[in-house]
Amino acid sequence: QVQLVESGGGLVQAGGSLRLSCVASRSILGINAMRWYRQPPGKERELVATITRGGSTNYADSVKGRFTISRDNAKDTVNLQMNSLKPEDTAVYYCKADTWPVGSWGQGTQVTVSS
């Protein structure tokens, strides 16, 4: 298990940018994948972006070309750069580490995009 703390959320106008950070309580070098999820109001949690230990990335179709996930193993941090934000990106964003036997989740950070 690992403790995760997200930060960087806030209120932004449509078209703006935010950078979310997820800091882990221990090294993430050995964690196979780190992920960002989001949960819009009244909806289920959905996977937004994944980055593997080798640096491969994958994105939900709704954010491709706008969001970029990165990991800094030296700082035990995973970031999510979000550009060209839309009102439909409004959600609580969660960081997840694929730890064994169960995944580890952060507490979430609120992102609100106004039109």
Protein backbone atom coordinates (compact mmCIF):
# COMPACT_ATOMS: atom_id res chain seq x y z
CA GLN A 1 0.00 0.00 0.00
CA VAL A 2 0.95 3.63 -0.45
CA GLN A 3 -0.56 6.89 0.73
CA LEU A 4 -1.42 9.32 -2.08
CA VAL A 5 -2.14 13.03 -1.78
CA GLU A 6 -3.57 14.98 -4.71
CA SER A 7 -3.36 18.72 -5.16
CA GLY A 8 -3.82 21.36 -7.84
CA GLY A 9 -7.56 21.35 -8.29
CA GLY A 10 -9.64 24.49 -8.39
CA LEU A 11 -12.00 26.66 -10.37
CA VAL A 12 -11.04 27.57 -13.93
CA GLN A 13 -12.82 29.01 -16.94
CA ALA A 14 -13.45 26.93 -20.03
CA GLY A 15 -10.35 26.87 -22.21
CA GLY A 16 -8.05 27.21 -19.25
CA SER A 17 -5.48 24.86 -17.77
CA LEU A 18 -4.75 23.13 -14.50
CA ARG A 19 -1.96 20.84 -13.35
CA LEU A 20 -2.81 18.15 -10.83
CA SER A 21 -0.13 16.47 -8.74
CA CYS A 22 -0.21 13.22 -6.81
CA VAL A 23 2.53 12.69 -4.24
CA ALA A 24 3.17 9.21 -2.90
CA SER A 25 4.35 8.34 0.61
CA ARG A 26 7.01 6.00 -0.73
CA SER A 27 8.85 5.23 -3.93
CA ILE A 28 6.69 4.60 -6.98
CA LEU A 29 9.51 2.96 -8.92
CA GLY A 30 8.16 -0.52 -8.35
CA ILE A 31 4.52 0.32 -9.04
CA ASN A 32 3.48 -1.02 -12.44
CA ALA A 33 0.95 1.67 -13.23
CA MET A 34 -0.25 4.98 -11.86
CA ARG A 35 -3.63 6.29 -12.91
CA TRP A 36 -5.90 9.30 -12.74
CA TYR A 37 -9.64 8.78 -12.43
CA ARG A 38 -12.45 11.28 -12.17
CA GLN A 39 -16.00 11.24 -10.87
CA PRO A 40 -18.35 13.88 -12.28
CA PRO A 41 -21.33 14.94 -10.16
CA GLY A 42 -23.95 12.20 -10.10
CA LYS A 43 -21.91 9.88 -12.28
CA GLU A 44 -19.65 6.88 -11.83
CA ARG A 45 -15.91 7.11 -11.50
CA GLU A 46 -14.08 6.80 -14.82
CA LEU A 47 -10.50 6.20 -15.85
CA VAL A 48 -8.87 9.27 -17.38
CA ALA A 49 -5.20 8.44 -17.89
CA THR A 50 -2.63 5.75 -17.14
CA ILE A 51 1.14 5.73 -17.08
CA THR A 52 3.09 2.51 -16.71
CA ARG A 53 6.40 1.91 -14.97
CA GLY A 54 8.03 1.99 -18.39
CA GLY A 55 6.48 5.32 -19.25
CA SER A 56 3.75 4.17 -21.64
CA THR A 57 0.61 6.26 -21.49
CA ASN A 58 -3.04 5.76 -22.30
CA TYR A 59 -5.95 8.18 -22.25
CA ALA A 60 -9.70 8.19 -22.33
CA ASP A 61 -10.99 9.33 -25.71
CA SER A 62 -12.64 12.35 -24.09
CA VAL A 63 -9.29 13.80 -22.97
CA LYS A 64 -6.90 12.71 -25.72
CA GLY A 65 -4.90 15.62 -27.05
CA ARG A 66 -5.79 17.81 -24.07
CA PHE A 67 -4.46 15.97 -21.00
CA THR A 68 -0.94 14.69 -20.39
CA ILE A 69 0.05 12.30 -17.62
CA SER A 70 3.64 12.13 -16.44
CA ARG A 71 5.57 10.59 -13.58
CA ASP A 72 8.63 11.83 -11.73
CA ASN A 73 10.07 8.78 -9.99
CA ALA A 74 12.71 10.87 -8.22
CA LYS A 75 9.96 12.89 -6.53
CA ASP A 76 7.47 9.99 -6.19
CA THR A 77 4.98 12.14 -8.05
CA VAL A 78 2.50 11.70 -10.87
CA ASN A 79 1.12 14.75 -12.63
CA LEU A 80 -1.83 15.41 -14.88
CA GLN A 81 -1.55 18.47 -17.10
CA MET A 82 -5.00 19.48 -18.26
CA ASN A 83 -5.36 21.97 -21.10
CA SER A 84 -8.32 23.30 -23.07
CA LEU A 85 -10.61 22.44 -20.18
CA LYS A 86 -14.33 22.05 -20.79
CA PRO A 87 -17.28 22.27 -18.40
CA GLU A 88 -17.73 18.50 -18.80
CA ASP A 89 -14.29 18.00 -17.23
CA THR A 90 -15.80 19.13 -13.92
CA ALA A 91 -15.26 16.30 -11.45
CA VAL A 92 -13.39 15.09 -8.42
CA TYR A 93 -10.07 13.76 -9.68
CA TYR A 94 -8.45 10.81 -7.95
CA CYS A 95 -4.98 9.35 -8.18
CA LYS A 96 -4.58 5.58 -7.98
CA ALA A 97 -1.54 3.35 -7.65
CA ASP A 98 -1.71 -0.27 -8.82
CA THR A 99 -0.39 -1.70 -5.59
CA TRP A 100 -0.78 -5.33 -4.55
CA PRO A 101 -3.07 -6.88 -3.37
CA VAL A 102 -5.39 -3.90 -3.69
CA GLY A 103 -4.97 -0.54 -5.33
CA SER A 104 -4.26 2.59 -3.35
CA TRP A 105 -6.37 5.73 -3.77
CA GLY A 106 -5.91 9.36 -2.87
CA GLN A 107 -8.63 11.49 -1.30
CA GLY A 108 -9.37 13.40 -4.50
CA THR A 109 -9.17 17.00 -5.63
CA GLN A 110 -12.07 19.01 -7.04
CA VAL A 111 -11.83 20.49 -10.53
CA THR A 112 -14.58 22.86 -11.59
CA VAL A 113 -14.69 24.32 -15.10
CA SER A 114 -17.06 27.22 -15.64
CA SER A 115 -18.56 28.04 -19.03
